[in-house]
Amino acid sequence: MSSGEILLVYDKECPLCDNFNQAIRVRKTVGDLRIIDARQSSQVMDEISAHGLDIDQGMVLKMGDQMYYGADAIHALALIGSRSGIFNRISYWMFRSKTASHFLYPILRSIRNLLLKILGRTKINNLRNLCISLGESSREPK
């Protein structure tokens, strides 16, 4: 990750998540936003899993060494977001308050989970996959 680069990690197979995150813009003075598909293997996904963050329960916004998760991520995104365009202004208005973000985010997550179920898409299960790989690597050879 280069300096000034902001990583937004989420499930691109969720149409609601993808539309929201493709439309969001951050102020150029803050940095460059790079979108990462949580379903693809990457260094940042390994880091997210190592921190015990379940990507099925919340997106992650990484700025420098700081990771924001779930409601905190959407709140931070609203604060660094551009105010240009109607979508970005609405997003800022809805999520600028930490309290509102913590109230609204679980509702959005529930909609995401229902939408994935309707579309027949699986969850990512990044923590389960981490446990499996740790279990296999800790086994002693026979």
C-alpha atoms as a PDB file:
ATOM      1  CA  MET A   1       0.000   0.000   0.000  1.00  0.00           C
ATOM      2  CA  SER A   2       1.499   3.332  -1.007  1.00  0.00           C
ATOM      3  CA  SER A   3       1.309   6.432   1.176  1.00  0.00           C
ATOM      4  CA  GLY A   4      -1.941   8.280   0.695  1.00  0.00           C
ATOM      5  CA  GLU A   5      -3.637   5.101  -0.487  1.00  0.00           C
ATOM      6  CA  ILE A   6      -6.894   4.168   1.208  1.00  0.00           C
ATOM      7  CA  LEU A   7      -8.122   0.593   0.897  1.00  0.00           C
ATOM      8  CA  LEU A   8     -11.811  -0.264   0.983  1.00  0.00           C
ATOM      9  CA  VAL A   9     -12.374  -4.010   1.308  1.00  0.00           C
ATOM     10  CA  TYR A  10     -15.878  -5.424   0.833  1.00  0.00           C
ATOM     11  CA  ASP A  11     -17.877  -8.161  -0.888  1.00  0.00           C
ATOM     12  CA  LYS A  12     -18.191  -7.183  -4.550  1.00  0.00           C
ATOM     13  CA  GLU A  13     -20.750  -9.967  -5.120  1.00  0.00           C
ATOM     14  CA  CYS A  14     -23.262  -8.054  -3.024  1.00  0.00           C
ATOM     15  CA  PRO A  15     -25.007  -5.657  -5.438  1.00  0.00           C
ATOM     16  CA  LEU A  16     -25.974  -3.273  -2.623  1.00  0.00           C
ATOM     17  CA  CYS A  17     -22.403  -3.097  -1.288  1.00  0.00           C
ATOM     18  CA  ASP A  18     -20.904  -2.823  -4.760  1.00  0.00           C
ATOM     19  CA  ASN A  19     -23.189   0.004  -5.903  1.00  0.00           C
ATOM     20  CA  PHE A  20     -22.578   1.964  -2.703  1.00  0.00           C
ATOM     21  CA  ASN A  21     -18.807   1.530  -2.742  1.00  0.00           C
ATOM     22  CA  GLN A  22     -18.424   2.190  -6.471  1.00  0.00           C
ATOM     23  CA  ALA A  23     -20.281   5.495  -6.069  1.00  0.00           C
ATOM     24  CA  ILE A  24     -18.452   6.780  -3.000  1.00  0.00           C
ATOM     25  CA  ARG A  25     -15.667   9.301  -3.547  1.00  0.00           C
ATOM     26  CA  VAL A  26     -13.038  10.540  -1.109  1.00  0.00           C
ATOM     27  CA  ARG A  27     -11.501  13.976  -1.070  1.00  0.00           C
ATOM     28  CA  LYS A  28      -8.266  14.084  -3.064  1.00  0.00           C
ATOM     29  CA  THR A  29      -6.536  15.785  -0.126  1.00  0.00           C
ATOM     30  CA  VAL A  30      -7.127  12.627   1.939  1.00  0.00           C
ATOM     31  CA  GLY A  31      -5.705  10.123  -0.545  1.00  0.00           C
ATOM     32  CA  ASP A  32      -6.546   7.726  -3.334  1.00  0.00           C
ATOM     33  CA  LEU A  33      -9.286   5.173  -2.717  1.00  0.00           C
ATOM     34  CA  ARG A  34      -8.584   1.653  -3.934  1.00  0.00           C
ATOM     35  CA  ILE A  35     -11.401  -0.876  -3.862  1.00  0.00           C
ATOM     36  CA  ILE A  36     -10.515  -4.466  -2.961  1.00  0.00           C
ATOM     37  CA  ASP A  37     -12.811  -7.458  -3.552  1.00  0.00           C
ATOM     38  CA  ALA A  38     -12.869  -9.433  -0.298  1.00  0.00           C
ATOM     39  CA  ARG A  39     -13.500 -12.635  -2.267  1.00  0.00           C
ATOM     40  CA  GLN A  40     -10.070 -12.388  -3.896  1.00  0.00           C
ATOM     41  CA  SER A  41      -6.955 -13.502  -2.067  1.00  0.00           C
ATOM     42  CA  SER A  42      -4.817 -10.508  -1.114  1.00  0.00           C
ATOM     43  CA  GLN A  43      -2.342  -9.311   1.465  1.00  0.00           C
ATOM     44  CA  VAL A  44      -4.921  -6.995   3.020  1.00  0.00           C
ATOM     45  CA  MET A  45      -7.443  -9.858   3.324  1.00  0.00           C
ATOM     46  CA  ASP A  46      -4.779 -11.912   5.115  1.00  0.00           C
ATOM     47  CA  GLU A  47      -4.222  -8.959   7.447  1.00  0.00           C
ATOM     48  CA  ILE A  48      -7.972  -8.542   8.053  1.00  0.00           C
ATOM     49  CA  SER A  49      -8.313 -12.243   8.895  1.00  0.00           C
ATOM     50  CA  ALA A  50      -5.247 -12.147  11.151  1.00  0.00           C
ATOM     51  CA  HIS A  51      -6.910  -9.320  13.106  1.00  0.00           C
ATOM     52  CA  GLY A  52      -9.982 -11.549  13.563  1.00  0.00           C
ATOM     53  CA  LEU A  53     -12.285  -9.309  11.517  1.00  0.00           C
ATOM     54  CA  ASP A  54     -15.151 -11.219   9.876  1.00  0.00           C
ATOM     55  CA  ILE A  55     -15.608  -9.607   6.454  1.00  0.00           C
ATOM     56  CA  ASP A  56     -19.115 -11.128   6.272  1.00  0.00           C
ATOM     57  CA  GLN A  57     -20.075  -8.924   9.219  1.00  0.00           C
ATOM     58  CA  GLY A  58     -18.525  -5.693   7.998  1.00  0.00           C
ATOM     59  CA  MET A  59     -16.447  -3.971   5.375  1.00  0.00           C
ATOM     60  CA  VAL A  60     -12.970  -2.684   6.221  1.00  0.00           C
ATOM     61  CA  LEU A  61     -11.469   0.713   5.503  1.00  0.00           C
ATOM     62  CA  LYS A  62      -7.686   0.778   5.873  1.00  0.00           C
ATOM     63  CA  MET A  63      -5.877   4.100   6.066  1.00  0.00           C
ATOM     64  CA  GLY A  64      -2.187   3.765   6.849  1.00  0.00           C
ATOM     65  CA  ASP A  65      -1.886   1.361   9.774  1.00  0.00           C
ATOM     66  CA  GLN A  66      -5.427   2.039  10.993  1.00  0.00           C
ATOM     67  CA  MET A  67      -8.285  -0.337  10.158  1.00  0.00           C
ATOM     68  CA  TYR A  68     -11.920   0.691  10.512  1.00  0.00           C
ATOM     69  CA  TYR A  69     -14.486  -2.099  10.576  1.00  0.00           C
ATOM     70  CA  GLY A  70     -18.217  -2.217   9.908  1.00  0.00           C
ATOM     71  CA  ALA A  71     -20.061   0.822  11.261  1.00  0.00           C
ATOM     72  CA  ASP A  72     -16.762   2.551  12.056  1.00  0.00           C
ATOM     73  CA  ALA A  73     -15.659   2.039   8.434  1.00  0.00           C
ATOM     74  CA  ILE A  74     -18.795   3.573   6.949  1.00  0.00           C
ATOM     75  CA  HIS A  75     -18.563   6.456   9.442  1.00  0.00           C
ATOM     76  CA  ALA A  76     -14.899   7.133   8.578  1.00  0.00           C
ATOM     77  CA  LEU A  77     -15.719   6.879   4.876  1.00  0.00           C
ATOM     78  CA  ALA A  78     -18.440   9.514   5.276  1.00  0.00           C
ATOM     79  CA  LEU A  79     -16.029  11.851   7.055  1.00  0.00           C
ATOM     80  CA  ILE A  80     -13.301  11.584   4.395  1.00  0.00           C
ATOM     81  CA  GLY A  81     -15.788  11.478   1.535  1.00  0.00           C
ATOM     82  CA  SER A  82     -16.238  14.108  -1.093  1.00  0.00           C
ATOM     83  CA  ARG A  83     -19.323  16.270  -0.755  1.00  0.00           C
ATOM     84  CA  SER A  84     -19.728  16.503  -4.530  1.00  0.00           C
ATOM     85  CA  GLY A  85     -22.730  14.791  -6.038  1.00  0.00           C
ATOM     86  CA  ILE A  86     -26.030  13.923  -4.464  1.00  0.00           C
ATOM     87  CA  PHE A  87     -25.000  10.389  -3.463  1.00  0.00           C
ATOM     88  CA  ASN A  88     -21.935  11.565  -1.544  1.00  0.00           C
ATOM     89  CA  ARG A  89     -23.908  14.300   0.214  1.00  0.00           C
ATOM     90  CA  ILE A  90     -26.609  11.811   1.276  1.00  0.00           C
ATOM     91  CA  SER A  91     -23.933   9.362   2.455  1.00  0.00           C
ATOM     92  CA  TYR A  92     -22.253  12.094   4.487  1.00  0.00           C
ATOM     93  CA  TRP A  93     -25.561  13.178   5.997  1.00  0.00           C
ATOM     94  CA  MET A  94     -26.530   9.592   6.949  1.00  0.00           C
ATOM     95  CA  PHE A  95     -23.207   8.357   8.320  1.00  0.00           C
ATOM     96  CA  ARG A  96     -21.420  11.454   9.662  1.00  0.00           C
ATOM     97  CA  SER A  97     -22.714  10.615  13.129  1.00  0.00           C
ATOM     98  CA  LYS A  98     -21.044   7.660  14.810  1.00  0.00           C
ATOM     99  CA  THR A  99     -24.312   6.898  16.624  1.00  0.00           C
ATOM    100  CA  ALA A 100     -26.316   6.877  13.385  1.00  0.00           C
ATOM    101  CA  SER A 101     -23.676   4.703  11.694  1.00  0.00           C
ATOM    102  CA  HIS A 102     -23.843   2.159  14.531  1.00  0.00           C
ATOM    103  CA  PHE A 103     -27.645   2.139  14.279  1.00  0.00           C
ATOM    104  CA  LEU A 104     -27.900   1.919  10.467  1.00  0.00           C
ATOM    105  CA  TYR A 105     -25.000  -0.416   9.659  1.00  0.00           C
ATOM    106  CA  PRO A 106     -26.561  -3.584  11.179  1.00  0.00           C
ATOM    107  CA  ILE A 107     -29.695  -2.913   9.145  1.00  0.00           C
ATOM    108  CA  LEU A 108     -27.631  -2.649   5.957  1.00  0.00           C
ATOM    109  CA  ARG A 109     -25.701  -5.808   6.896  1.00  0.00           C
ATOM    110  CA  SER A 110     -28.987  -7.704   7.379  1.00  0.00           C
ATOM    111  CA  ILE A 111     -30.193  -6.544   3.966  1.00  0.00           C
ATOM    112  CA  ARG A 112     -26.866  -7.695   2.481  1.00  0.00           C
ATOM    113  CA  ASN A 113     -27.196 -11.137   4.068  1.00  0.00           C
ATOM    114  CA  LEU A 114     -30.768 -11.503   2.834  1.00  0.00           C
ATOM    115  CA  LEU A 115     -29.797 -10.346  -0.654  1.00  0.00           C
ATOM    116  CA  LEU A 116     -26.924 -12.861  -0.839  1.00  0.00           C
ATOM    117  CA  LYS A 117     -29.294 -15.629   0.227  1.00  0.00           C
ATOM    118  CA  ILE A 118     -31.890 -14.630  -2.413  1.00  0.00           C
ATOM    119  CA  LEU A 119     -29.190 -14.510  -5.093  1.00  0.00           C
ATOM    120  CA  GLY A 120     -27.788 -17.893  -3.997  1.00  0.00           C
ATOM    121  CA  ARG A 121     -24.358 -16.502  -3.190  1.00  0.00           C
ATOM    122  CA  THR A 122     -22.198 -17.868  -0.417  1.00  0.00           C
ATOM    123  CA  LYS A 123     -20.628 -15.950   2.417  1.00  0.00           C
ATOM    124  CA  ILE A 124     -16.891 -15.329   2.296  1.00  0.00           C
ATOM    125  CA  ASN A 125     -16.048 -17.075   5.601  1.00  0.00           C
ATOM    126  CA  ASN A 126     -12.579 -15.543   5.807  1.00  0.00           C
ATOM    127  CA  LEU A 127     -12.165 -16.491   9.483  1.00  0.00           C
ATOM    128  CA  ARG A 128     -13.190 -20.101   8.882  1.00  0.00           C
ATOM    129  CA  ASN A 129     -10.691 -20.298   6.037  1.00  0.00           C
ATOM    130  CA  LEU A 130      -8.015 -18.845   8.340  1.00  0.00           C
ATOM    131  CA  CYS A 131      -8.759 -21.464  11.011  1.00  0.00           C
ATOM    132  CA  ILE A 132      -8.547 -24.249   8.432  1.00  0.00           C
ATOM    133  CA  SER A 133      -5.196 -23.044   7.091  1.00  0.00           C
ATOM    134  CA  LEU A 134      -3.817 -22.548  10.629  1.00  0.00           C
ATOM    135  CA  GLY A 135      -5.008 -26.018  11.603  1.00  0.00           C
ATOM    136  CA  GLU A 136      -3.334 -27.596   8.594  1.00  0.00           C
ATOM    137  CA  SER A 137      -0.076 -25.736   9.126  1.00  0.00           C
ATOM    138  CA  SER A 138       0.056 -26.667  12.829  1.00  0.00           C
ATOM    139  CA  ARG A 139      -0.365 -30.399  12.207  1.00  0.00           C
ATOM    140  CA  GLU A 140       2.753 -32.427  12.730  1.00  0.00           C
ATOM    141  CA  PRO A 141       3.808 -34.706   9.892  1.00  0.00           C
ATOM    142  CA  LYS A 142       3.069 -38.382  10.428  1.00  0.00           C
END
